[in-house]
Amino acid sequence: MDNLFYRKTRRPGNLREALRKLLRNKRLLVILAVALPVAGYVLFGSRGVVQRIRFERQKAEMEQRIRDADAESKRLKDESKALDDDRATIERVAREKHGMVRPGETVYKTSPSR
């Protein structure tokens, strides 16, 4: 007699019955038929959320490239200005890049140790 007052337990995972209920509910079907394509367009369309995230990432990468190029340009301008005015800088560059020496100096070349 106690079993009469308890709720019956449903079997989980009955997909066929869930689909039947969904097909019987016409209002829900219409809402899903309209909402799913709209949601798909909003997310994956040419002006959708996914495309916007991709463009934002590209924008950030390009802005970083611009900052790096500006820093390199400034460094090269400073080096150029130093080469125009400073004799010590000219001598350093001539010795490092072109292997020049002063008269009477002896150059000792060593191989890098491993």
N, C-alpha and C. Protein backbone atom coordinates (compact mmCIF):
# COMPACT_ATOMS: atom_id res chain seq x y z
N MET A 1 0.80 -1.19 0.00
CA MET A 1 0.00 0.00 0.00
C MET A 1 0.85 1.26 0.00
N ASP A 2 2.04 1.19 0.59
CA ASP A 2 2.90 2.36 0.63
C ASP A 2 3.37 2.77 -0.76
N ASN A 3 3.45 1.85 -1.68
CA ASN A 3 3.92 2.14 -3.03
C ASN A 3 2.96 3.04 -3.80
N LEU A 4 1.75 3.16 -3.37
CA LEU A 4 0.78 3.97 -4.09
C LEU A 4 1.05 5.47 -3.95
N PHE A 5 1.76 5.88 -2.91
CA PHE A 5 1.95 7.29 -2.66
C PHE A 5 3.30 7.83 -3.16
N TYR A 6 4.15 6.96 -3.60
CA TYR A 6 5.46 7.40 -4.10
C TYR A 6 5.40 7.66 -5.59
N ARG A 7 6.22 8.60 -6.04
CA ARG A 7 6.29 8.86 -7.48
C ARG A 7 7.00 7.71 -8.18
N LYS A 8 6.59 7.49 -9.38
CA LYS A 8 7.26 6.46 -10.17
C LYS A 8 8.55 7.05 -10.72
N THR A 9 9.58 6.28 -10.70
CA THR A 9 10.87 6.74 -11.22
C THR A 9 10.92 6.50 -12.72
N ARG A 10 11.46 7.48 -13.42
CA ARG A 10 11.60 7.36 -14.87
C ARG A 10 12.94 6.74 -15.20
N ARG A 11 12.96 6.07 -16.31
CA ARG A 11 14.22 5.51 -16.77
C ARG A 11 15.02 6.61 -17.45
N PRO A 12 16.27 6.81 -17.05
CA PRO A 12 17.08 7.87 -17.69
C PRO A 12 17.51 7.45 -19.08
N GLY A 13 17.64 8.45 -19.96
CA GLY A 13 18.19 8.21 -21.29
C GLY A 13 17.23 7.68 -22.32
N ASN A 14 15.93 7.86 -22.12
CA ASN A 14 14.96 7.40 -23.09
C ASN A 14 14.83 8.48 -24.17
N LEU A 15 15.68 8.44 -25.13
CA LEU A 15 15.79 9.47 -26.16
C LEU A 15 14.59 9.45 -27.10
N ARG A 16 14.10 8.29 -27.41
CA ARG A 16 12.98 8.17 -28.34
C ARG A 16 11.74 8.88 -27.79
N GLU A 17 11.50 8.71 -26.53
CA GLU A 17 10.33 9.35 -25.92
C GLU A 17 10.51 10.87 -25.83
N ALA A 18 11.72 11.31 -25.57
CA ALA A 18 11.99 12.75 -25.52
C ALA A 18 11.77 13.38 -26.89
N LEU A 19 12.17 12.70 -27.95
CA LEU A 19 11.93 13.22 -29.30
C LEU A 19 10.44 13.26 -29.63
N ARG A 20 9.70 12.28 -29.18
CA ARG A 20 8.25 12.29 -29.42
C ARG A 20 7.59 13.48 -28.73
N LYS A 21 8.00 13.76 -27.48
CA LYS A 21 7.45 14.91 -26.77
C LYS A 21 7.81 16.20 -27.48
N LEU A 22 9.03 16.28 -27.97
CA LEU A 22 9.47 17.48 -28.68
C LEU A 22 8.66 17.69 -29.96
N LEU A 23 8.41 16.63 -30.69
CA LEU A 23 7.64 16.73 -31.93
C LEU A 23 6.17 17.07 -31.66
N ARG A 24 5.65 16.71 -30.51
CA ARG A 24 4.26 17.05 -30.19
C ARG A 24 4.12 18.52 -29.79
N ASN A 25 5.16 19.13 -29.27
CA ASN A 25 5.10 20.51 -28.83
C ASN A 25 5.42 21.43 -30.01
N LYS A 26 4.40 21.89 -30.71
CA LYS A 26 4.57 22.68 -31.93
C LYS A 26 5.22 24.03 -31.65
N ARG A 27 4.86 24.67 -30.57
CA ARG A 27 5.41 25.98 -30.25
C ARG A 27 6.93 25.89 -30.05
N LEU A 28 7.38 24.88 -29.33
CA LEU A 28 8.81 24.69 -29.11
C LEU A 28 9.53 24.40 -30.42
N LEU A 29 8.90 23.64 -31.30
CA LEU A 29 9.50 23.35 -32.61
C LEU A 29 9.68 24.62 -33.43
N VAL A 30 8.69 25.48 -33.42
CA VAL A 30 8.79 26.74 -34.17
C VAL A 30 9.88 27.62 -33.58
N ILE A 31 9.93 27.70 -32.27
CA ILE A 31 10.97 28.52 -31.62
C ILE A 31 12.35 27.98 -31.96
N LEU A 32 12.53 26.67 -31.90
CA LEU A 32 13.83 26.07 -32.24
C LEU A 32 14.17 26.27 -33.72
N ALA A 33 13.17 26.17 -34.59
CA ALA A 33 13.41 26.34 -36.03
C ALA A 33 13.86 27.76 -36.35
N VAL A 34 13.43 28.72 -35.56
CA VAL A 34 13.84 30.11 -35.77
C VAL A 34 15.13 30.42 -35.01
N ALA A 35 15.23 29.95 -33.79
CA ALA A 35 16.34 30.32 -32.91
C ALA A 35 17.66 29.68 -33.33
N LEU A 36 17.64 28.44 -33.77
CA LEU A 36 18.90 27.77 -34.12
C LEU A 36 19.61 28.42 -35.31
N PRO A 37 18.93 28.73 -36.42
CA PRO A 37 19.64 29.42 -37.50
C PRO A 37 20.12 30.83 -37.11
N VAL A 38 19.31 31.53 -36.33
CA VAL A 38 19.72 32.87 -35.88
C VAL A 38 20.96 32.76 -34.99
N ALA A 39 20.96 31.82 -34.06
CA ALA A 39 22.12 31.63 -33.18
C ALA A 39 23.34 31.22 -34.00
N GLY A 40 23.15 30.37 -34.98
CA GLY A 40 24.27 29.97 -35.85
C GLY A 40 24.84 31.15 -36.61
N TYR A 41 23.98 32.01 -37.12
CA TYR A 41 24.46 33.19 -37.84
C TYR A 41 25.18 34.15 -36.91
N VAL A 42 24.62 34.36 -35.71
CA VAL A 42 25.24 35.28 -34.76
C VAL A 42 26.61 34.76 -34.34
N LEU A 43 26.74 33.48 -34.16
CA LEU A 43 28.03 32.92 -33.72
C LEU A 43 29.02 32.76 -34.86
N PHE A 44 28.58 32.19 -35.97
CA PHE A 44 29.51 31.78 -37.01
C PHE A 44 29.40 32.55 -38.32
N GLY A 45 28.56 33.55 -38.40
CA GLY A 45 28.38 34.32 -39.63
C GLY A 45 29.59 35.20 -39.93
N SER A 46 29.52 35.91 -41.05
CA SER A 46 30.65 36.75 -41.48
C SER A 46 30.90 37.90 -40.50
N ARG A 47 29.91 38.30 -39.75
CA ARG A 47 30.08 39.34 -38.73
C ARG A 47 29.79 38.77 -37.34
N GLY A 48 30.00 37.48 -37.18
CA GLY A 48 29.65 36.81 -35.93
C GLY A 48 30.71 36.94 -34.86
N VAL A 49 30.41 36.33 -33.76
CA VAL A 49 31.26 36.40 -32.57
C VAL A 49 32.62 35.74 -32.83
N VAL A 50 32.61 34.60 -33.47
CA VAL A 50 33.87 33.88 -33.74
C VAL A 50 34.78 34.72 -34.64
N GLN A 51 34.21 35.30 -35.68
CA GLN A 51 34.99 36.14 -36.59
C GLN A 51 35.52 37.37 -35.87
N ARG A 52 34.72 37.93 -35.00
CA ARG A 52 35.15 39.12 -34.24
C ARG A 52 36.33 38.78 -33.33
N ILE A 53 36.28 37.65 -32.66
CA ILE A 53 37.39 37.22 -31.81
C ILE A 53 38.65 37.02 -32.64
N ARG A 54 38.52 36.43 -33.81
CA ARG A 54 39.67 36.23 -34.70
C ARG A 54 40.27 37.57 -35.12
N PHE A 55 39.41 38.53 -35.47
CA PHE A 55 39.91 39.86 -35.88
C PHE A 55 40.58 40.58 -34.72
N GLU A 56 40.03 40.45 -33.52
CA GLU A 56 40.65 41.09 -32.36
C GLU A 56 42.04 40.51 -32.10
N ARG A 57 42.20 39.21 -32.26
CA ARG A 57 43.51 38.58 -32.07
C ARG A 57 44.50 39.06 -33.14
N GLN A 58 44.05 39.14 -34.39
CA GLN A 58 44.92 39.65 -35.46
C GLN A 58 45.30 41.10 -35.20
N LYS A 59 44.37 41.90 -34.73
CA LYS A 59 44.64 43.30 -34.44
C LYS A 59 45.71 43.43 -33.36
N ALA A 60 45.60 42.62 -32.31
CA ALA A 60 46.58 42.67 -31.22
C ALA A 60 47.97 42.27 -31.74
N GLU A 61 48.03 41.24 -32.59
CA GLU A 61 49.31 40.81 -33.16
C GLU A 61 49.93 41.91 -34.02
N MET A 62 49.12 42.55 -34.83
CA MET A 62 49.63 43.61 -35.70
C MET A 62 50.08 44.83 -34.90
N GLU A 63 49.34 45.16 -33.85
CA GLU A 63 49.76 46.28 -32.99
C GLU A 63 51.10 45.97 -32.33
N GLN A 64 51.31 44.72 -31.93
CA GLN A 64 52.59 44.33 -31.34
C GLN A 64 53.71 44.43 -32.38
N ARG A 65 53.43 44.01 -33.60
CA ARG A 65 54.43 44.15 -34.68
C ARG A 65 54.79 45.61 -34.91
N ILE A 66 53.78 46.48 -34.88
CA ILE A 66 54.02 47.92 -35.08
C ILE A 66 54.89 48.46 -33.96
N ARG A 67 54.60 48.08 -32.71
CA ARG A 67 55.43 48.53 -31.59
C ARG A 67 56.87 48.05 -31.73
N ASP A 68 57.04 46.79 -32.16
CA ASP A 68 58.39 46.25 -32.35
C ASP A 68 59.12 46.99 -33.47
N ALA A 69 58.41 47.28 -34.57
CA ALA A 69 59.03 47.99 -35.68
C ALA A 69 59.40 49.42 -35.28
N ASP A 70 58.55 50.07 -34.49
CA ASP A 70 58.87 51.42 -34.01
C ASP A 70 60.10 51.42 -33.12
N ALA A 71 60.19 50.42 -32.24
CA ALA A 71 61.36 50.33 -31.36
C ALA A 71 62.63 50.08 -32.18
N GLU A 72 62.55 49.21 -33.18
CA GLU A 72 63.71 48.94 -34.05
C GLU A 72 64.09 50.20 -34.83
N SER A 73 63.10 50.92 -35.33
CA SER A 73 63.36 52.15 -36.07
C SER A 73 64.05 53.19 -35.19
N LYS A 74 63.58 53.33 -33.96
CA LYS A 74 64.20 54.28 -33.03
C LYS A 74 65.64 53.89 -32.73
N ARG A 75 65.87 52.59 -32.52
CA ARG A 75 67.23 52.12 -32.25
C ARG A 75 68.15 52.40 -33.42
N LEU A 76 67.67 52.15 -34.63
CA LEU A 76 68.49 52.41 -35.82
C LEU A 76 68.75 53.90 -36.02
N LYS A 77 67.75 54.73 -35.73
CA LYS A 77 67.96 56.19 -35.84
C LYS A 77 69.01 56.66 -34.84
N ASP A 78 68.92 56.15 -33.60
CA ASP A 78 69.90 56.53 -32.58
C ASP A 78 71.31 56.08 -32.99
N GLU A 79 71.40 54.87 -33.52
CA GLU A 79 72.71 54.37 -33.96
C GLU A 79 73.24 55.20 -35.12
N SER A 80 72.37 55.58 -36.04
CA SER A 80 72.79 56.40 -37.18
C SER A 80 73.28 57.76 -36.71
N LYS A 81 72.53 58.36 -35.78
CA LYS A 81 72.93 59.65 -35.25
C LYS A 81 74.28 59.56 -34.52
N ALA A 82 74.48 58.45 -33.77
CA ALA A 82 75.75 58.26 -33.07
C ALA A 82 76.89 58.07 -34.05
N LEU A 83 76.62 57.41 -35.17
CA LEU A 83 77.68 57.21 -36.18
C LEU A 83 78.02 58.52 -36.88
N ASP A 84 77.10 59.46 -36.93
CA ASP A 84 77.38 60.75 -37.56
C ASP A 84 78.24 61.63 -36.65
N ASP A 85 78.05 61.56 -35.33
CA ASP A 85 78.67 62.51 -34.42
C ASP A 85 79.81 61.93 -33.57
N ASP A 86 79.63 60.75 -33.03
CA ASP A 86 80.51 60.23 -31.99
C ASP A 86 81.65 59.40 -32.60
N ARG A 87 82.89 59.83 -32.36
CA ARG A 87 84.05 59.13 -32.92
C ARG A 87 84.26 57.76 -32.24
N ALA A 88 83.95 57.67 -30.95
CA ALA A 88 84.11 56.40 -30.24
C ALA A 88 83.16 55.34 -30.82
N THR A 89 81.96 55.74 -31.16
CA THR A 89 80.99 54.80 -31.76
C THR A 89 81.46 54.36 -33.13
N ILE A 90 81.98 55.30 -33.90
CA ILE A 90 82.49 54.96 -35.23
C ILE A 90 83.62 53.94 -35.10
N GLU A 91 84.53 54.18 -34.16
CA GLU A 91 85.66 53.25 -33.97
C GLU A 91 85.17 51.88 -33.51
N ARG A 92 84.21 51.85 -32.59
CA ARG A 92 83.68 50.57 -32.09
C ARG A 92 83.05 49.76 -33.22
N VAL A 93 82.24 50.43 -34.05
CA VAL A 93 81.59 49.73 -35.16
C VAL A 93 82.62 49.24 -36.17
N ALA A 94 83.62 50.07 -36.46
CA ALA A 94 84.65 49.67 -37.41
C ALA A 94 85.42 48.46 -36.89
N ARG A 95 85.70 48.41 -35.61
CA ARG A 95 86.43 47.26 -35.04
C ARG A 95 85.56 46.01 -35.00
N GLU A 96 84.30 46.14 -34.56
CA GLU A 96 83.43 44.97 -34.39
C GLU A 96 82.96 44.39 -35.72
N LYS A 97 82.42 45.24 -36.57
CA LYS A 97 81.78 44.74 -37.79
C LYS A 97 82.77 44.54 -38.93
N HIS A 98 83.80 45.37 -39.01
CA HIS A 98 84.68 45.32 -40.18
C HIS A 98 86.08 44.80 -39.85
N GLY A 99 86.36 44.51 -38.59
CA GLY A 99 87.64 43.91 -38.22
C GLY A 99 88.83 44.85 -38.40
N MET A 100 88.65 46.13 -38.32
CA MET A 100 89.74 47.09 -38.50
C MET A 100 90.55 47.21 -37.22
N VAL A 101 91.85 47.53 -37.39
CA VAL A 101 92.75 47.72 -36.24
C VAL A 101 93.55 48.99 -36.45
N ARG A 102 94.10 49.50 -35.34
CA ARG A 102 94.97 50.67 -35.43
C ARG A 102 96.36 50.21 -35.84
N PRO A 103 97.12 51.11 -36.41
CA PRO A 103 98.49 50.73 -36.76
C PRO A 103 99.27 50.34 -35.51
N GLY A 104 99.98 49.24 -35.59
CA GLY A 104 100.79 48.78 -34.48
C GLY A 104 100.07 47.82 -33.55
N GLU A 105 98.77 47.61 -33.70
CA GLU A 105 98.05 46.69 -32.86
C GLU A 105 98.17 45.27 -33.41
N THR A 106 98.17 44.32 -32.51
CA THR A 106 98.22 42.91 -32.91
C THR A 106 96.88 42.28 -32.56
N VAL A 107 96.30 41.54 -33.50
CA VAL A 107 95.01 40.92 -33.30
C VAL A 107 95.23 39.45 -33.01
N TYR A 108 94.63 38.98 -31.92
CA TYR A 108 94.69 37.56 -31.56
C TYR A 108 93.28 37.00 -31.74
N LYS A 109 93.16 36.01 -32.61
CA LYS A 109 91.85 35.38 -32.84
C LYS A 109 91.80 34.07 -32.09
N THR A 110 90.72 33.85 -31.39
CA THR A 110 90.53 32.60 -30.64
C THR A 110 89.27 31.93 -31.14
N SER A 111 89.26 30.63 -31.06
CA SER A 111 88.06 29.91 -31.45
C SER A 111 87.15 29.79 -30.23
N PRO A 112 85.86 29.81 -30.43
CA PRO A 112 84.95 29.72 -29.29
C PRO A 112 85.06 28.36 -28.62
N SER A 113 85.06 28.34 -27.31
CA SER A 113 85.14 27.06 -26.59
C SER A 113 83.78 26.38 -26.58
N ARG A 114 83.80 25.08 -26.59
CA ARG A 114 82.55 24.32 -26.64
C ARG A 114 82.16 23.82 -25.30
